[in-house]
Amino acid sequence: MNTWSTPEWYEGYVGRWSRATAAEFLAWLHVRRGARWLDVGCGTGEVTLAILEHNAPESVDGVDLSEPYIKYAREKTNDTRATFELGDALALPSPDGTYDAAVAGLSMNIMPDQPRAVGEMMRVVRPGGVVGAYVWDFDGKMQMLKHFWDTVEALDPGPEDSEPDPRFAICSPEPFAALFRGAGFDDVEVRAVDTPTIFKNFDDYWSPFLNGEAPAQKHTAALSDERRTLLRERLRTNLPVMGNGSIPLIARAWAVKGRVPR
């Protein structure tokens, strides 16, 4: 599921903003204390850490297809209530009705069969339990990426008939809600979660684009030195830089939740 082979690169890129987003998302789910949680596509473990910090769970099981991420999450989570195991979102290794809540933070958009993944999350949560997910608003107020791609487009407009990746179609409110309604959840709701992302200086913003496997980093790596420098300097000009050099942006996520029918 996870396309990142190096957890540290992911953390420096967008992972560092996930935990603050997760805290607000988890509060919105209104899951009781002492619940059993499943974190699907757990990645570096940020959502699991937020559950442990804010939700007083009985247990949290994290599953991910990436062994380096599982290892990374285990090493930084010093809490006996949390476990991390290799697992596929499309075939979760848990019996029906095991959990009180299942969540997927910043992973639903990269799952190859999103309806199946949502169906699996429903299957392993007890009737009346909660399933939720959140994804970045890539075309809107995930401003770190919006500034990058708007600048790329201004420098080198792509073909008008280029097709977007269909996996990212859910990264807006109505398609995200429709995914959960189509799975048969009750009480489906969607909301925006806005997280301040304050970069301490331009290098703090730019450096994460130089290493990694996300589309933005692949684009940067493929540029010639001259074009990469041009992109960097155009971004430096376009970004809202404060007097102290910091760059205050917003990372918007779209969150969805539903209740498993009783």
C-alpha atoms as a PDB file:
ATOM      1  CA  MET A   1       0.000   0.000   0.000  1.00  0.00           C
ATOM      2  CA  ASN A   2       2.668   2.501   0.993  1.00  0.00           C
ATOM      3  CA  THR A   3       4.765   3.739  -1.926  1.00  0.00           C
ATOM      4  CA  TRP A   4       7.472   5.193   0.341  1.00  0.00           C
ATOM      5  CA  SER A   5      10.513   3.028   1.035  1.00  0.00           C
ATOM      6  CA  THR A   6      12.134   5.495   3.468  1.00  0.00           C
ATOM      7  CA  PRO A   7      10.002   6.468   6.483  1.00  0.00           C
ATOM      8  CA  GLU A   8      12.273   9.387   7.410  1.00  0.00           C
ATOM      9  CA  TRP A   9      11.692  11.026   4.026  1.00  0.00           C
ATOM     10  CA  TYR A  10       7.954  10.664   4.421  1.00  0.00           C
ATOM     11  CA  GLU A  11       8.101  12.208   7.909  1.00  0.00           C
ATOM     12  CA  GLY A  12       9.992  15.245   6.626  1.00  0.00           C
ATOM     13  CA  TYR A  13       7.624  15.657   3.699  1.00  0.00           C
ATOM     14  CA  VAL A  14       4.012  15.387   4.950  1.00  0.00           C
ATOM     15  CA  GLY A  15       4.135  12.857   7.789  1.00  0.00           C
ATOM     16  CA  ARG A  16       5.085  15.520  10.310  1.00  0.00           C
ATOM     17  CA  TRP A  17       1.756  17.289   9.772  1.00  0.00           C
ATOM     18  CA  SER A  18      -0.363  14.160  10.134  1.00  0.00           C
ATOM     19  CA  ARG A  19      -0.405  13.859  13.920  1.00  0.00           C
ATOM     20  CA  ALA A  20      -1.993  17.276  14.539  1.00  0.00           C
ATOM     21  CA  THR A  21      -4.566  16.528  11.857  1.00  0.00           C
ATOM     22  CA  ALA A  22      -5.203  13.122  13.406  1.00  0.00           C
ATOM     23  CA  ALA A  23      -5.932  14.592  16.855  1.00  0.00           C
ATOM     24  CA  GLU A  24      -8.796  16.744  15.562  1.00  0.00           C
ATOM     25  CA  PHE A  25     -10.070  13.938  13.345  1.00  0.00           C
ATOM     26  CA  LEU A  26     -10.114  11.447  16.235  1.00  0.00           C
ATOM     27  CA  ALA A  27     -11.979  13.835  18.539  1.00  0.00           C
ATOM     28  CA  TRP A  28     -14.638  14.190  15.829  1.00  0.00           C
ATOM     29  CA  LEU A  29     -15.199  10.417  15.754  1.00  0.00           C
ATOM     30  CA  HIS A  30     -16.480  10.419  19.376  1.00  0.00           C
ATOM     31  CA  VAL A  31     -15.220   6.923  20.188  1.00  0.00           C
ATOM     32  CA  ARG A  32     -15.549   5.885  23.837  1.00  0.00           C
ATOM     33  CA  ARG A  33     -12.562   5.463  26.133  1.00  0.00           C
ATOM     34  CA  GLY A  34     -11.285   1.912  26.462  1.00  0.00           C
ATOM     35  CA  ALA A  35     -12.101   1.042  22.849  1.00  0.00           C
ATOM     36  CA  ARG A  36     -10.258  -1.380  20.592  1.00  0.00           C
ATOM     37  CA  TRP A  37      -8.869   0.432  17.532  1.00  0.00           C
ATOM     38  CA  LEU A  38      -7.472  -0.600  14.150  1.00  0.00           C
ATOM     39  CA  ASP A  39      -5.168   1.772  12.235  1.00  0.00           C
ATOM     40  CA  VAL A  40      -5.217   0.723   8.556  1.00  0.00           C
ATOM     41  CA  GLY A  41      -2.245   1.769   6.446  1.00  0.00           C
ATOM     42  CA  CYS A  42      -0.596   2.916   9.660  1.00  0.00           C
ATOM     43  CA  GLY A  43       2.618   4.059   7.961  1.00  0.00           C
ATOM     44  CA  THR A  44       4.968   5.672  10.465  1.00  0.00           C
ATOM     45  CA  GLY A  45       2.448   5.275  13.293  1.00  0.00           C
ATOM     46  CA  GLU A  46       1.331   8.891  13.697  1.00  0.00           C
ATOM     47  CA  VAL A  47      -2.383   8.084  13.903  1.00  0.00           C
ATOM     48  CA  THR A  48      -1.708   5.286  16.394  1.00  0.00           C
ATOM     49  CA  LEU A  49       0.319   7.693  18.540  1.00  0.00           C
ATOM     50  CA  ALA A  50      -2.521  10.215  18.436  1.00  0.00           C
ATOM     51  CA  ILE A  51      -5.037   7.544  19.516  1.00  0.00           C
ATOM     52  CA  LEU A  52      -2.779   6.564  22.428  1.00  0.00           C
ATOM     53  CA  GLU A  53      -2.345  10.207  23.460  1.00  0.00           C
ATOM     54  CA  HIS A  54      -5.921  11.446  23.129  1.00  0.00           C
ATOM     55  CA  ASN A  55      -8.371   8.529  23.172  1.00  0.00           C
ATOM     56  CA  ALA A  56      -7.414   6.289  26.116  1.00  0.00           C
ATOM     57  CA  PRO A  57      -7.790   3.052  24.103  1.00  0.00           C
ATOM     58  CA  GLU A  58      -7.696  -0.483  25.380  1.00  0.00           C
ATOM     59  CA  SER A  59      -5.546  -1.359  22.375  1.00  0.00           C
ATOM     60  CA  VAL A  60      -4.492  -0.142  18.925  1.00  0.00           C
ATOM     61  CA  ASP A  61      -3.446  -2.510  16.148  1.00  0.00           C
ATOM     62  CA  GLY A  62      -1.605  -0.932  13.219  1.00  0.00           C
ATOM     63  CA  VAL A  63      -1.339  -2.710   9.865  1.00  0.00           C
ATOM     64  CA  ASP A  64       0.652  -1.721   6.782  1.00  0.00           C
ATOM     65  CA  LEU A  65       2.125  -3.457   3.737  1.00  0.00           C
ATOM     66  CA  SER A  66       5.537  -1.842   4.233  1.00  0.00           C
ATOM     67  CA  GLU A  67       7.989  -3.661   6.497  1.00  0.00           C
ATOM     68  CA  PRO A  68      10.252  -0.576   6.919  1.00  0.00           C
ATOM     69  CA  TYR A  69       7.242   1.432   8.117  1.00  0.00           C
ATOM     70  CA  ILE A  70       6.156  -1.257  10.551  1.00  0.00           C
ATOM     71  CA  LYS A  71       9.693  -1.390  11.948  1.00  0.00           C
ATOM     72  CA  TYR A  72       9.846   2.416  12.195  1.00  0.00           C
ATOM     73  CA  ALA A  73       6.458   2.597  13.973  1.00  0.00           C
ATOM     74  CA  ARG A  74       7.437  -0.121  16.458  1.00  0.00           C
ATOM     75  CA  GLU A  75      10.708   1.603  17.316  1.00  0.00           C
ATOM     76  CA  LYS A  76       9.121   4.969  18.101  1.00  0.00           C
ATOM     77  CA  THR A  77       6.004   3.715  19.934  1.00  0.00           C
ATOM     78  CA  ASN A  78       6.843   2.783  23.508  1.00  0.00           C
ATOM     79  CA  ASP A  79       3.382   1.690  24.617  1.00  0.00           C
ATOM     80  CA  THR A  80       2.289  -1.882  25.284  1.00  0.00           C
ATOM     81  CA  ARG A  81      -1.251  -1.087  24.101  1.00  0.00           C
ATOM     82  CA  ALA A  82      -0.007  -0.716  20.510  1.00  0.00           C
ATOM     83  CA  THR A  83       1.006  -3.453  18.077  1.00  0.00           C
ATOM     84  CA  PHE A  84       2.162  -3.127  14.472  1.00  0.00           C
ATOM     85  CA  GLU A  85       1.970  -5.953  11.961  1.00  0.00           C
ATOM     86  CA  LEU A  86       2.273  -6.441   8.228  1.00  0.00           C
ATOM     87  CA  GLY A  87      -1.201  -6.540   6.724  1.00  0.00           C
ATOM     88  CA  ASP A  88      -3.167  -5.770   3.592  1.00  0.00           C
ATOM     89  CA  ALA A  89      -6.072  -3.305   3.758  1.00  0.00           C
ATOM     90  CA  LEU A  90      -7.839  -5.381   1.109  1.00  0.00           C
ATOM     91  CA  ALA A  91      -7.703  -8.530   3.243  1.00  0.00           C
ATOM     92  CA  LEU A  92      -7.419  -7.491   6.893  1.00  0.00           C
ATOM     93  CA  PRO A  93      -6.072 -10.256   9.159  1.00  0.00           C
ATOM     94  CA  SER A  94      -8.833  -9.936  11.792  1.00  0.00           C
ATOM     95  CA  PRO A  95     -12.126 -11.747  12.453  1.00  0.00           C
ATOM     96  CA  ASP A  96     -15.454 -10.008  11.938  1.00  0.00           C
ATOM     97  CA  GLY A  97     -16.420  -7.504  14.621  1.00  0.00           C
ATOM     98  CA  THR A  98     -13.022  -7.426  16.347  1.00  0.00           C
ATOM     99  CA  TYR A  99     -12.791  -3.656  16.838  1.00  0.00           C
ATOM    100  CA  ASP A 100     -14.834  -0.740  18.134  1.00  0.00           C
ATOM    101  CA  ALA A 101     -13.285   1.638  15.595  1.00  0.00           C
ATOM    102  CA  ALA A 102     -11.137   1.468  12.472  1.00  0.00           C
ATOM    103  CA  VAL A 103      -9.386   4.414  10.854  1.00  0.00           C
ATOM    104  CA  ALA A 104      -7.234   5.115   7.808  1.00  0.00           C
ATOM    105  CA  GLY A 105      -5.136   8.273   7.908  1.00  0.00           C
ATOM    106  CA  LEU A 106      -3.672   9.533   4.616  1.00  0.00           C
ATOM    107  CA  SER A 107      -3.775   6.057   3.080  1.00  0.00           C
ATOM    108  CA  MET A 108      -7.198   5.609   1.475  1.00  0.00           C
ATOM    109  CA  ASN A 109      -6.246   7.486  -1.703  1.00  0.00           C
ATOM    110  CA  ILE A 110      -3.355   5.119  -2.472  1.00  0.00           C
ATOM    111  CA  MET A 111      -5.324   1.918  -1.949  1.00  0.00           C
ATOM    112  CA  PRO A 112      -5.826   0.127  -5.278  1.00  0.00           C
ATOM    113  CA  ASP A 113      -9.415  -0.945  -4.483  1.00  0.00           C
ATOM    114  CA  GLN A 114     -10.966   1.654  -2.187  1.00  0.00           C
ATOM    115  CA  PRO A 115     -14.480   0.119  -1.950  1.00  0.00           C
ATOM    116  CA  ARG A 116     -12.969  -3.220  -0.961  1.00  0.00           C
ATOM    117  CA  ALA A 117     -10.743  -1.563   1.659  1.00  0.00           C
ATOM    118  CA  VAL A 118     -13.714   0.282   3.173  1.00  0.00           C
ATOM    119  CA  GLY A 119     -15.705  -2.950   3.149  1.00  0.00           C
ATOM    120  CA  GLU A 120     -12.920  -4.719   5.017  1.00  0.00           C
ATOM    121  CA  MET A 121     -12.837  -1.957   7.636  1.00  0.00           C
ATOM    122  CA  MET A 122     -16.605  -2.332   8.080  1.00  0.00           C
ATOM    123  CA  ARG A 123     -16.264  -6.105   8.395  1.00  0.00           C
ATOM    124  CA  VAL A 124     -13.777  -6.022  11.268  1.00  0.00           C
ATOM    125  CA  VAL A 125     -15.693  -3.385  13.295  1.00  0.00           C
ATOM    126  CA  ARG A 126     -18.594  -4.436  15.504  1.00  0.00           C
ATOM    127  CA  PRO A 127     -22.160  -3.316  14.697  1.00  0.00           C
ATOM    128  CA  GLY A 128     -22.586   0.237  15.968  1.00  0.00           C
ATOM    129  CA  GLY A 129     -18.837   0.878  15.769  1.00  0.00           C
ATOM    130  CA  VAL A 130     -17.189   3.716  13.860  1.00  0.00           C
ATOM    131  CA  VAL A 131     -15.061   3.714  10.717  1.00  0.00           C
ATOM    132  CA  GLY A 132     -13.293   6.874   9.594  1.00  0.00           C
ATOM    133  CA  ALA A 133     -10.624   8.112   7.203  1.00  0.00           C
ATOM    134  CA  TYR A 134      -8.975  11.308   6.072  1.00  0.00           C
ATOM    135  CA  VAL A 135      -7.036  12.353   2.963  1.00  0.00           C
ATOM    136  CA  TRP A 136      -5.276  15.543   1.935  1.00  0.00           C
ATOM    137  CA  ASP A 137      -7.198  18.102  -0.118  1.00  0.00           C
ATOM    138  CA  PHE A 138      -4.701  17.898  -2.971  1.00  0.00           C
ATOM    139  CA  ASP A 139      -6.598  20.248  -5.290  1.00  0.00           C
ATOM    140  CA  GLY A 140      -7.415  22.811  -2.630  1.00  0.00           C
ATOM    141  CA  LYS A 141      -5.998  23.851   0.712  1.00  0.00           C
ATOM    142  CA  MET A 142      -3.209  21.328   1.085  1.00  0.00           C
ATOM    143  CA  GLN A 143      -1.227  24.478   0.384  1.00  0.00           C
ATOM    144  CA  MET A 144       2.262  22.993   0.550  1.00  0.00           C
ATOM    145  CA  LEU A 145       1.489  20.861  -2.492  1.00  0.00           C
ATOM    146  CA  LYS A 146      -0.888  23.329  -4.167  1.00  0.00           C
ATOM    147  CA  HIS A 147       1.837  25.988  -4.315  1.00  0.00           C
ATOM    148  CA  PHE A 148       4.281  23.443  -5.717  1.00  0.00           C
ATOM    149  CA  TRP A 149       2.037  22.127  -8.500  1.00  0.00           C
ATOM    150  CA  ASP A 150       0.656  25.549  -9.411  1.00  0.00           C
ATOM    151  CA  THR A 151       4.229  26.743  -9.899  1.00  0.00           C
ATOM    152  CA  VAL A 152       5.140  23.648 -11.908  1.00  0.00           C
ATOM    153  CA  GLU A 153       2.118  24.230 -14.146  1.00  0.00           C
ATOM    154  CA  ALA A 154       2.978  27.899 -14.635  1.00  0.00           C
ATOM    155  CA  LEU A 155       6.524  27.023 -15.688  1.00  0.00           C
ATOM    156  CA  ASP A 156       5.638  24.062 -17.868  1.00  0.00           C
ATOM    157  CA  PRO A 157       1.935  23.663 -18.714  1.00  0.00           C
ATOM    158  CA  GLY A 158       1.023  20.027 -19.251  1.00  0.00           C
ATOM    159  CA  PRO A 159      -1.209  18.644 -21.997  1.00  0.00           C
ATOM    160  CA  GLU A 160      -4.842  19.668 -21.611  1.00  0.00           C
ATOM    161  CA  ASP A 161      -6.046  16.069 -22.005  1.00  0.00           C
ATOM    162  CA  SER A 162      -3.815  14.578 -19.304  1.00  0.00           C
ATOM    163  CA  GLU A 163      -5.764  12.204 -17.077  1.00  0.00           C
ATOM    164  CA  PRO A 164      -5.614  12.516 -13.270  1.00  0.00           C
ATOM    165  CA  ASP A 165      -4.839   9.444 -11.180  1.00  0.00           C
ATOM    166  CA  PRO A 166      -8.268   7.870 -10.491  1.00  0.00           C
ATOM    167  CA  ARG A 167      -7.220   6.863  -6.974  1.00  0.00           C
ATOM    168  CA  PHE A 168      -7.196  10.565  -6.010  1.00  0.00           C
ATOM    169  CA  ALA A 169     -10.772  11.152  -7.142  1.00  0.00           C
ATOM    170  CA  ILE A 170     -12.004  10.625  -3.560  1.00  0.00           C
ATOM    171  CA  CYS A 171      -9.943  13.534  -2.226  1.00  0.00           C
ATOM    172  CA  SER A 172     -12.928  15.877  -2.155  1.00  0.00           C
ATOM    173  CA  PRO A 173     -16.074  15.863  -0.010  1.00  0.00           C
ATOM    174  CA  GLU A 174     -18.802  14.297  -2.143  1.00  0.00           C
ATOM    175  CA  PRO A 175     -16.790  11.400  -3.630  1.00  0.00           C
ATOM    176  CA  PHE A 176     -15.409  10.615  -0.171  1.00  0.00           C
ATOM    177  CA  ALA A 177     -18.898  10.541   1.341  1.00  0.00           C
ATOM    178  CA  ALA A 178     -20.179   8.487  -1.607  1.00  0.00           C
ATOM    179  CA  LEU A 179     -17.480   5.880  -0.978  1.00  0.00           C
ATOM    180  CA  PHE A 180     -18.775   5.353   2.564  1.00  0.00           C
ATOM    181  CA  ARG A 181     -22.441   5.527   1.620  1.00  0.00           C
ATOM    182  CA  GLY A 182     -21.827   2.969  -1.097  1.00  0.00           C
ATOM    183  CA  ALA A 183     -20.328   0.601   1.478  1.00  0.00           C
ATOM    184  CA  GLY A 184     -23.563   0.755   3.483  1.00  0.00           C
ATOM    185  CA  PHE A 185     -22.539   2.819   6.504  1.00  0.00           C
ATOM    186  CA  ASP A 186     -25.116   4.691   8.555  1.00  0.00           C
ATOM    187  CA  ASP A 187     -24.770   8.358   9.591  1.00  0.00           C
ATOM    188  CA  VAL A 188     -22.080   9.244   7.035  1.00  0.00           C
ATOM    189  CA  GLU A 189     -20.525  12.682   7.548  1.00  0.00           C
ATOM    190  CA  VAL A 190     -17.684  14.596   5.893  1.00  0.00           C
ATOM    191  CA  ARG A 191     -15.801  17.638   7.167  1.00  0.00           C
ATOM    192  CA  ALA A 192     -12.634  19.637   6.564  1.00  0.00           C
ATOM    193  CA  VAL A 193      -9.762  19.493   9.044  1.00  0.00           C
ATOM    194  CA  ASP A 194      -7.350  22.418   8.680  1.00  0.00           C
ATOM    195  CA  THR A 195      -3.902  22.130  10.252  1.00  0.00           C
ATOM    196  CA  PRO A 196      -1.401  25.016  10.343  1.00  0.00           C
ATOM    197  CA  THR A 197       1.853  23.992   8.648  1.00  0.00           C
ATOM    198  CA  ILE A 198       4.447  26.591   9.530  1.00  0.00           C
ATOM    199  CA  PHE A 199       7.784  26.077   7.807  1.00  0.00           C
ATOM    200  CA  LYS A 200      10.630  27.726   9.677  1.00  0.00           C
ATOM    201  CA  ASN A 201      12.259  28.961   6.452  1.00  0.00           C
ATOM    202  CA  PHE A 202      12.346  28.287   2.724  1.00  0.00           C
ATOM    203  CA  ASP A 203      14.804  25.391   3.044  1.00  0.00           C
ATOM    204  CA  ASP A 204      12.409  23.701   5.475  1.00  0.00           C
ATOM    205  CA  TYR A 205       9.769  23.887   2.753  1.00  0.00           C
ATOM    206  CA  TRP A 206      11.960  23.020  -0.249  1.00  0.00           C
ATOM    207  CA  SER A 207      14.262  20.283   1.063  1.00  0.00           C
ATOM    208  CA  PRO A 208      11.546  17.596   1.404  1.00  0.00           C
ATOM    209  CA  PHE A 209      10.877  17.837  -2.343  1.00  0.00           C
ATOM    210  CA  LEU A 210      14.421  16.618  -3.078  1.00  0.00           C
ATOM    211  CA  ASN A 211      14.128  13.082  -1.655  1.00  0.00           C
ATOM    212  CA  GLY A 212      11.252  10.651  -1.855  1.00  0.00           C
ATOM    213  CA  GLU A 213       8.852   8.747  -4.050  1.00  0.00           C
ATOM    214  CA  ALA A 214       5.749  10.966  -4.153  1.00  0.00           C
ATOM    215  CA  PRO A 215       4.785  12.533  -7.511  1.00  0.00           C
ATOM    216  CA  ALA A 216       6.172  15.928  -6.507  1.00  0.00           C
ATOM    217  CA  GLN A 217       9.569  14.503  -5.587  1.00  0.00           C
ATOM    218  CA  LYS A 218       9.699  12.370  -8.729  1.00  0.00           C
ATOM    219  CA  HIS A 219       8.969  15.486 -10.759  1.00  0.00           C
ATOM    220  CA  THR A 220      11.752  17.434  -9.040  1.00  0.00           C
ATOM    221  CA  ALA A 221      14.252  14.597  -9.482  1.00  0.00           C
ATOM    222  CA  ALA A 222      13.506  14.372 -13.218  1.00  0.00           C
ATOM    223  CA  LEU A 223      14.286  18.045 -13.857  1.00  0.00           C
ATOM    224  CA  SER A 224      17.594  19.281 -15.165  1.00  0.00           C
ATOM    225  CA  ASP A 225      19.689  21.291 -12.713  1.00  0.00           C
ATOM    226  CA  GLU A 226      18.694  24.475 -14.535  1.00  0.00           C
ATOM    227  CA  ARG A 227      14.939  23.730 -14.434  1.00  0.00           C
ATOM    228  CA  ARG A 228      15.126  22.597 -10.798  1.00  0.00           C
ATOM    229  CA  THR A 229      16.803  25.879  -9.852  1.00  0.00           C
ATOM    230  CA  LEU A 230      14.160  27.812 -11.770  1.00  0.00           C
ATOM    231  CA  LEU A 231      11.382  25.961  -9.940  1.00  0.00           C
ATOM    232  CA  ARG A 232      13.046  26.559  -6.577  1.00  0.00           C
ATOM    233  CA  GLU A 233      13.472  30.297  -7.153  1.00  0.00           C
ATOM    234  CA  ARG A 234       9.958  30.741  -8.531  1.00  0.00           C
ATOM    235  CA  LEU A 235       8.577  29.005  -5.422  1.00  0.00           C
ATOM    236  CA  ARG A 236      10.731  31.226  -3.221  1.00  0.00           C
ATOM    237  CA  THR A 237       9.122  34.233  -4.886  1.00  0.00           C
ATOM    238  CA  ASN A 238       5.548  32.923  -4.772  1.00  0.00           C
ATOM    239  CA  LEU A 239       5.368  31.610  -1.219  1.00  0.00           C
ATOM    240  CA  PRO A 240       4.075  33.864   1.616  1.00  0.00           C
ATOM    241  CA  VAL A 241       7.275  34.472   3.599  1.00  0.00           C
ATOM    242  CA  MET A 242       7.007  36.329   6.914  1.00  0.00           C
ATOM    243  CA  GLY A 243       9.496  38.852   8.253  1.00  0.00           C
ATOM    244  CA  ASN A 244      11.250  36.165  10.315  1.00  0.00           C
ATOM    245  CA  GLY A 245      11.581  33.922   7.255  1.00  0.00           C
ATOM    246  CA  SER A 246       8.833  31.491   8.254  1.00  0.00           C
ATOM    247  CA  ILE A 247       6.206  30.333   5.760  1.00  0.00           C
ATOM    248  CA  PRO A 248       2.701  29.917   7.259  1.00  0.00           C
ATOM    249  CA  LEU A 249       0.511  27.547   5.238  1.00  0.00           C
ATOM    250  CA  ILE A 250      -2.567  25.407   5.826  1.00  0.00           C
ATOM    251  CA  ALA A 251      -2.849  21.653   5.286  1.00  0.00           C
ATOM    252  CA  ARG A 252      -6.501  20.802   4.713  1.00  0.00           C
ATOM    253  CA  ALA A 253      -7.674  17.235   4.979  1.00  0.00           C
ATOM    254  CA  TRP A 254     -11.099  15.875   4.139  1.00  0.00           C
ATOM    255  CA  ALA A 255     -12.379  13.506   6.800  1.00  0.00           C
ATOM    256  CA  VAL A 256     -15.233  11.033   6.548  1.00  0.00           C
ATOM    257  CA  LYS A 257     -16.901   8.801   9.120  1.00  0.00           C
ATOM    258  CA  GLY A 258     -19.743   6.316   9.236  1.00  0.00           C
ATOM    259  CA  ARG A 259     -21.321   3.899  11.672  1.00  0.00           C
ATOM    260  CA  VAL A 260     -21.505   0.148  11.066  1.00  0.00           C
ATOM    261  CA  PRO A 261     -25.193  -0.820  10.831  1.00  0.00           C
ATOM    262  CA  ARG A 262     -26.554  -2.600  13.894  1.00  0.00           C
END
